[in-house]
Amino acid sequence: MAGMRDMSEMTRIRVARSDLVIPTVIYESATQIFAHMVGTGKVTEKNQKSAVQMAINMAVELAIETDRIVDKDSGGRNHFGSKKNF
């Protein structure tokens, strides 16, 4: 997909878990993405593992981009109103 980061190696992305989002949100996003892929016939028995990884990567990318946009709109403040320290 154009504009998406290559997430094949998790070492390319270094994000502190606490600075991103609650892992449950990523899980829920990934399951919805995967369900859509199944529902549109894009998942086969042969590509199931890679499809799961793709759904997870997309969910993480969405979380990072959402966090970046929210951070920009909030002036660098976290959910509690204090500045992020990084």
C-alpha atoms as a PDB file:
ATOM      1  CA  MET A   1       0.000   0.000   0.000  1.00  0.00           C
ATOM      2  CA  ALA A   2       1.296   3.418  -0.907  1.00  0.00           C
ATOM      3  CA  GLY A   3       2.200   5.605   2.037  1.00  0.00           C
ATOM      4  CA  MET A   4       2.437   2.765   4.546  1.00  0.00           C
ATOM      5  CA  ARG A   5       5.735   2.037   6.272  1.00  0.00           C
ATOM      6  CA  ASP A   6       7.501  -1.229   5.575  1.00  0.00           C
ATOM      7  CA  MET A   7       6.736  -3.051   8.794  1.00  0.00           C
ATOM      8  CA  SER A   8       8.291  -6.383   7.843  1.00  0.00           C
ATOM      9  CA  GLU A   9      11.022  -5.817  10.425  1.00  0.00           C
ATOM     10  CA  MET A  10       9.793  -4.567  13.773  1.00  0.00           C
ATOM     11  CA  THR A  11      13.264  -3.159  14.441  1.00  0.00           C
ATOM     12  CA  ARG A  12      12.411  -0.396  11.968  1.00  0.00           C
ATOM     13  CA  ILE A  13       9.871   0.990  14.367  1.00  0.00           C
ATOM     14  CA  ARG A  14      10.782   1.982  17.895  1.00  0.00           C
ATOM     15  CA  VAL A  15       7.773   3.288  19.766  1.00  0.00           C
ATOM     16  CA  ALA A  16       7.405   3.105  23.514  1.00  0.00           C
ATOM     17  CA  ARG A  17       4.222   1.144  24.245  1.00  0.00           C
ATOM     18  CA  SER A  18       3.055   3.710  26.759  1.00  0.00           C
ATOM     19  CA  ASP A  19       3.428   6.511  24.208  1.00  0.00           C
ATOM     20  CA  LEU A  20       1.419   4.759  21.529  1.00  0.00           C
ATOM     21  CA  VAL A  21      -1.992   3.459  22.543  1.00  0.00           C
ATOM     22  CA  ILE A  22      -3.493   0.742  24.675  1.00  0.00           C
ATOM     23  CA  PRO A  23      -2.572  -2.613  23.047  1.00  0.00           C
ATOM     24  CA  THR A  24      -6.266  -3.581  23.163  1.00  0.00           C
ATOM     25  CA  VAL A  25      -7.025  -0.834  20.651  1.00  0.00           C
ATOM     26  CA  ILE A  26      -4.433  -2.250  18.247  1.00  0.00           C
ATOM     27  CA  TYR A  27      -5.842  -5.755  18.763  1.00  0.00           C
ATOM     28  CA  GLU A  28      -9.384  -4.590  18.042  1.00  0.00           C
ATOM     29  CA  SER A  29      -8.264  -2.689  14.940  1.00  0.00           C
ATOM     30  CA  ALA A  30      -6.272  -5.656  13.670  1.00  0.00           C
ATOM     31  CA  THR A  31      -9.207  -8.023  14.135  1.00  0.00           C
ATOM     32  CA  GLN A  32     -11.519  -5.670  12.229  1.00  0.00           C
ATOM     33  CA  ILE A  33      -8.991  -5.281   9.418  1.00  0.00           C
ATOM     34  CA  PHE A  34      -8.501  -9.055   9.244  1.00  0.00           C
ATOM     35  CA  ALA A  35     -12.266  -9.679   9.293  1.00  0.00           C
ATOM     36  CA  HIS A  36     -12.650  -7.292   6.364  1.00  0.00           C
ATOM     37  CA  MET A  37      -9.902  -9.112   4.483  1.00  0.00           C
ATOM     38  CA  VAL A  38     -11.671 -12.435   5.108  1.00  0.00           C
ATOM     39  CA  GLY A  39     -15.049 -10.977   4.155  1.00  0.00           C
ATOM     40  CA  THR A  40     -13.727  -9.682   0.845  1.00  0.00           C
ATOM     41  CA  GLY A  41     -12.112 -13.006  -0.024  1.00  0.00           C
ATOM     42  CA  LYS A  42      -8.517 -11.813   0.275  1.00  0.00           C
ATOM     43  CA  VAL A  43      -7.529 -14.456   2.846  1.00  0.00           C
ATOM     44  CA  THR A  44      -6.865 -18.015   1.772  1.00  0.00           C
ATOM     45  CA  GLU A  45      -5.489 -20.952   3.691  1.00  0.00           C
ATOM     46  CA  LYS A  46      -2.184 -20.361   1.919  1.00  0.00           C
ATOM     47  CA  ASN A  47      -1.820 -16.665   2.840  1.00  0.00           C
ATOM     48  CA  GLN A  48      -3.547 -16.633   6.235  1.00  0.00           C
ATOM     49  CA  LYS A  49      -0.390 -16.070   8.328  1.00  0.00           C
ATOM     50  CA  SER A  50       0.841 -13.229   6.127  1.00  0.00           C
ATOM     51  CA  ALA A  51      -2.666 -11.716   6.110  1.00  0.00           C
ATOM     52  CA  VAL A  52      -2.734 -11.732   9.917  1.00  0.00           C
ATOM     53  CA  GLN A  53       0.680 -10.027  10.007  1.00  0.00           C
ATOM     54  CA  MET A  54      -0.491  -7.475   7.444  1.00  0.00           C
ATOM     55  CA  ALA A  55      -3.591  -6.688   9.534  1.00  0.00           C
ATOM     56  CA  ILE A  56      -1.450  -6.204  12.654  1.00  0.00           C
ATOM     57  CA  ASN A  57       1.023  -4.002  10.786  1.00  0.00           C
ATOM     58  CA  MET A  58      -1.804  -1.883   9.413  1.00  0.00           C
ATOM     59  CA  ALA A  59      -3.345  -1.517  12.888  1.00  0.00           C
ATOM     60  CA  VAL A  60      -0.006  -0.432  14.369  1.00  0.00           C
ATOM     61  CA  GLU A  61       0.530   2.035  11.519  1.00  0.00           C
ATOM     62  CA  LEU A  62      -2.957   3.475  12.052  1.00  0.00           C
ATOM     63  CA  ALA A  63      -2.259   3.841  15.773  1.00  0.00           C
ATOM     64  CA  ILE A  64       1.048   5.612  15.139  1.00  0.00           C
ATOM     65  CA  GLU A  65      -0.442   7.981  12.582  1.00  0.00           C
ATOM     66  CA  THR A  66      -3.450   8.697  14.813  1.00  0.00           C
ATOM     67  CA  ASP A  67      -1.136   9.388  17.751  1.00  0.00           C
ATOM     68  CA  ARG A  68       0.958  11.721  15.571  1.00  0.00           C
ATOM     69  CA  ILE A  69      -2.101  13.675  14.424  1.00  0.00           C
ATOM     70  CA  VAL A  70      -3.609  13.876  17.914  1.00  0.00           C
ATOM     71  CA  ASP A  71      -0.218  14.893  19.320  1.00  0.00           C
ATOM     72  CA  LYS A  72       0.121  17.649  16.707  1.00  0.00           C
ATOM     73  CA  ASP A  73      -3.419  18.894  17.371  1.00  0.00           C
ATOM     74  CA  SER A  74      -2.889  18.842  21.141  1.00  0.00           C
ATOM     75  CA  GLY A  75       0.399  20.746  21.026  1.00  0.00           C
ATOM     76  CA  GLY A  76       2.421  17.769  22.233  1.00  0.00           C
ATOM     77  CA  ARG A  77       0.305  17.129  25.308  1.00  0.00           C
ATOM     78  CA  ASN A  78      -0.652  13.615  26.357  1.00  0.00           C
ATOM     79  CA  HIS A  79      -4.077  12.363  27.467  1.00  0.00           C
ATOM     80  CA  PHE A  80      -3.567  13.906  30.916  1.00  0.00           C
ATOM     81  CA  GLY A  81      -2.643  17.396  29.698  1.00  0.00           C
ATOM     82  CA  SER A  82       1.083  17.246  30.459  1.00  0.00           C
ATOM     83  CA  LYS A  83       3.882  17.514  27.890  1.00  0.00           C
ATOM     84  CA  LYS A  84       5.372  14.284  26.588  1.00  0.00           C
ATOM     85  CA  ASN A  85       8.962  13.709  27.660  1.00  0.00           C
ATOM     86  CA  PHE A  86      10.899  12.401  24.655  1.00  0.00           C
END
